[in-house]
């Protein structure tokens, strides 16, 4: 949020969220399949709802808080090391993230590890 920003539903009150939303929109033009391309978007105090609406699987800061720098890495690790037949939901991640669903949330994603 920008200093003195009051309206949480106005993207102009966020310093970088409009750029994150634009990047997610561009990525979804390239690949609209939520199972093939997994997108984690945002940073501390991002406009979470706009990021998810743009097509991100996971986004930061639904509670507009400062997130731990490890939180996105934990999500990426979980997606990359989970069997492709398993759907990863926030309930699988919230105990591993410092502030749980206040810091990170999303629609979920399929794991990417291929098991032969």
Protein backbone atom coordinates (compact mmCIF):
# COMPACT_ATOMS: atom_id res chain seq x y z
CA UNK A 1 0.00 0.00 0.00
CA UNK A 2 1.14 3.49 -0.68
CA UNK A 3 1.51 5.90 2.21
CA UNK A 4 -1.89 7.36 3.12
CA UNK A 5 -3.68 4.82 0.88
CA UNK A 6 -7.09 4.07 2.34
CA UNK A 7 -9.17 2.22 -0.26
CA UNK A 8 -8.05 -1.43 -0.38
CA UNK A 9 -10.08 -1.99 -3.58
CA UNK A 10 -8.25 0.65 -5.66
CA UNK A 11 -5.21 -0.72 -7.46
CA UNK A 12 -3.76 2.79 -7.60
CA UNK A 13 -3.28 2.62 -3.82
CA UNK A 14 -0.68 -0.12 -4.29
CA UNK A 15 2.88 0.64 -5.33
CA UNK A 16 3.60 -2.44 -7.51
CA UNK A 17 0.44 -4.53 -7.75
CA UNK A 18 -0.61 -3.13 -11.13
CA UNK A 19 2.69 -4.41 -12.56
CA UNK A 20 2.20 -7.84 -10.97
CA UNK A 21 -1.35 -7.98 -12.41
CA UNK A 22 -0.06 -7.02 -15.85
CA UNK A 23 2.61 -9.75 -15.67
CA UNK A 24 0.04 -12.39 -14.62
CA UNK A 25 -2.30 -11.32 -17.45
CA UNK A 26 0.54 -11.59 -19.98
CA UNK A 27 1.54 -15.03 -18.68
CA UNK A 28 -2.07 -16.25 -18.91
CA UNK A 29 -2.25 -15.06 -22.53
CA UNK A 30 0.77 -17.30 -23.19
CA UNK A 31 -0.67 -20.24 -21.22
CA UNK A 32 -4.16 -20.13 -19.72
CA UNK A 33 -4.01 -23.62 -18.19
CA UNK A 34 -3.80 -23.30 -14.38
CA UNK A 35 -2.37 -26.83 -14.14
CA UNK A 36 0.45 -26.34 -16.64
CA UNK A 37 1.63 -22.88 -15.63
CA UNK A 38 1.64 -22.28 -11.88
CA UNK A 39 1.86 -18.58 -10.98
CA UNK A 40 2.78 -17.13 -7.61
CA UNK A 41 2.39 -13.35 -7.69
CA UNK A 42 2.74 -10.39 -5.39
CA UNK A 43 4.82 -9.19 -2.51
CA UNK A 44 4.25 -7.61 0.88
CA UNK A 45 0.96 -5.74 1.11
CA UNK A 46 -0.11 -6.61 -2.45
CA UNK A 47 -3.62 -6.36 -3.90
CA UNK A 48 -4.36 -10.05 -3.40
CA UNK A 49 -7.84 -10.10 -4.99
CA UNK A 50 -6.62 -8.48 -8.23
CA UNK A 51 -3.74 -10.97 -8.49
CA UNK A 52 -6.03 -13.98 -8.11
CA UNK A 53 -8.58 -12.47 -10.53
CA UNK A 54 -5.79 -11.97 -13.07
CA UNK A 55 -5.03 -15.70 -12.96
CA UNK A 56 -2.42 -16.34 -10.28
CA UNK A 57 -2.67 -19.73 -8.54
CA UNK A 58 -1.19 -18.28 -5.35
CA UNK A 59 -0.74 -14.68 -4.28
CA UNK A 60 0.65 -12.88 -1.32
CA UNK A 61 -0.80 -10.85 1.43
CA UNK A 62 -4.58 -11.27 1.53
CA UNK A 63 -4.39 -9.55 4.94
CA UNK A 64 -2.10 -6.78 3.55
CA UNK A 65 0.72 -7.76 5.90
CA UNK A 66 4.47 -8.09 5.48
CA UNK A 67 5.24 -11.65 4.42
CA UNK A 68 8.31 -13.71 5.27
CA UNK A 69 10.78 -13.89 2.39
CA UNK A 70 10.66 -17.70 2.62
CA UNK A 71 6.88 -17.99 2.09
CA UNK A 72 6.94 -17.93 -1.75
CA UNK A 73 9.85 -20.39 -1.70
CA UNK A 74 7.88 -22.77 0.51
CA UNK A 75 4.96 -22.69 -1.94
CA UNK A 76 7.28 -23.25 -4.92
CA UNK A 77 9.03 -26.14 -3.18
CA UNK A 78 5.72 -27.77 -2.31
CA UNK A 79 4.47 -27.48 -5.90
CA UNK A 80 7.70 -28.78 -7.41
CA UNK A 81 8.12 -31.75 -5.07
CA UNK A 82 4.50 -32.92 -4.89
CA UNK A 83 3.28 -35.75 -7.11
CA UNK A 84 1.50 -34.46 -10.22
CA UNK A 85 -1.61 -36.43 -9.29
CA UNK A 86 -2.10 -34.51 -6.02
CA UNK A 87 -3.86 -31.18 -5.74
CA UNK A 88 -2.10 -28.78 -3.37
CA UNK A 89 -4.52 -26.69 -1.37
CA UNK A 90 -3.92 -23.94 1.17
CA UNK A 91 -4.73 -26.37 3.96
CA UNK A 92 -1.55 -28.27 2.93
CA UNK A 93 0.55 -25.10 3.12
CA UNK A 94 -0.75 -22.93 5.94
CA UNK A 95 1.13 -24.73 8.71
CA UNK A 96 4.40 -24.26 6.83
CA UNK A 97 3.99 -20.52 6.19
CA UNK A 98 4.81 -18.14 9.03
CA UNK A 99 1.48 -16.26 9.04
CA UNK A 100 -0.61 -18.87 7.22
CA UNK A 101 -3.51 -17.62 5.10
CA UNK A 102 -2.93 -14.04 6.19
CA UNK A 103 0.35 -14.08 4.24
CA UNK A 104 -0.39 -16.40 1.30
CA UNK A 105 -3.54 -17.83 -0.21
CA UNK A 106 -4.84 -18.99 -3.55
CA UNK A 107 -6.86 -21.43 -5.61
CA UNK A 108 -4.35 -24.26 -5.39
CA UNK A 109 -2.39 -26.19 -7.99
CA UNK A 110 -1.43 -29.68 -9.03
CA UNK A 111 1.99 -30.90 -8.04
CA UNK A 112 4.65 -30.98 -10.75
CA UNK A 113 6.76 -34.00 -9.76
CA UNK A 114 6.45 -36.80 -12.28
CA UNK A 115 6.42 -40.24 -10.72
CA UNK A 116 7.23 -43.18 -12.95
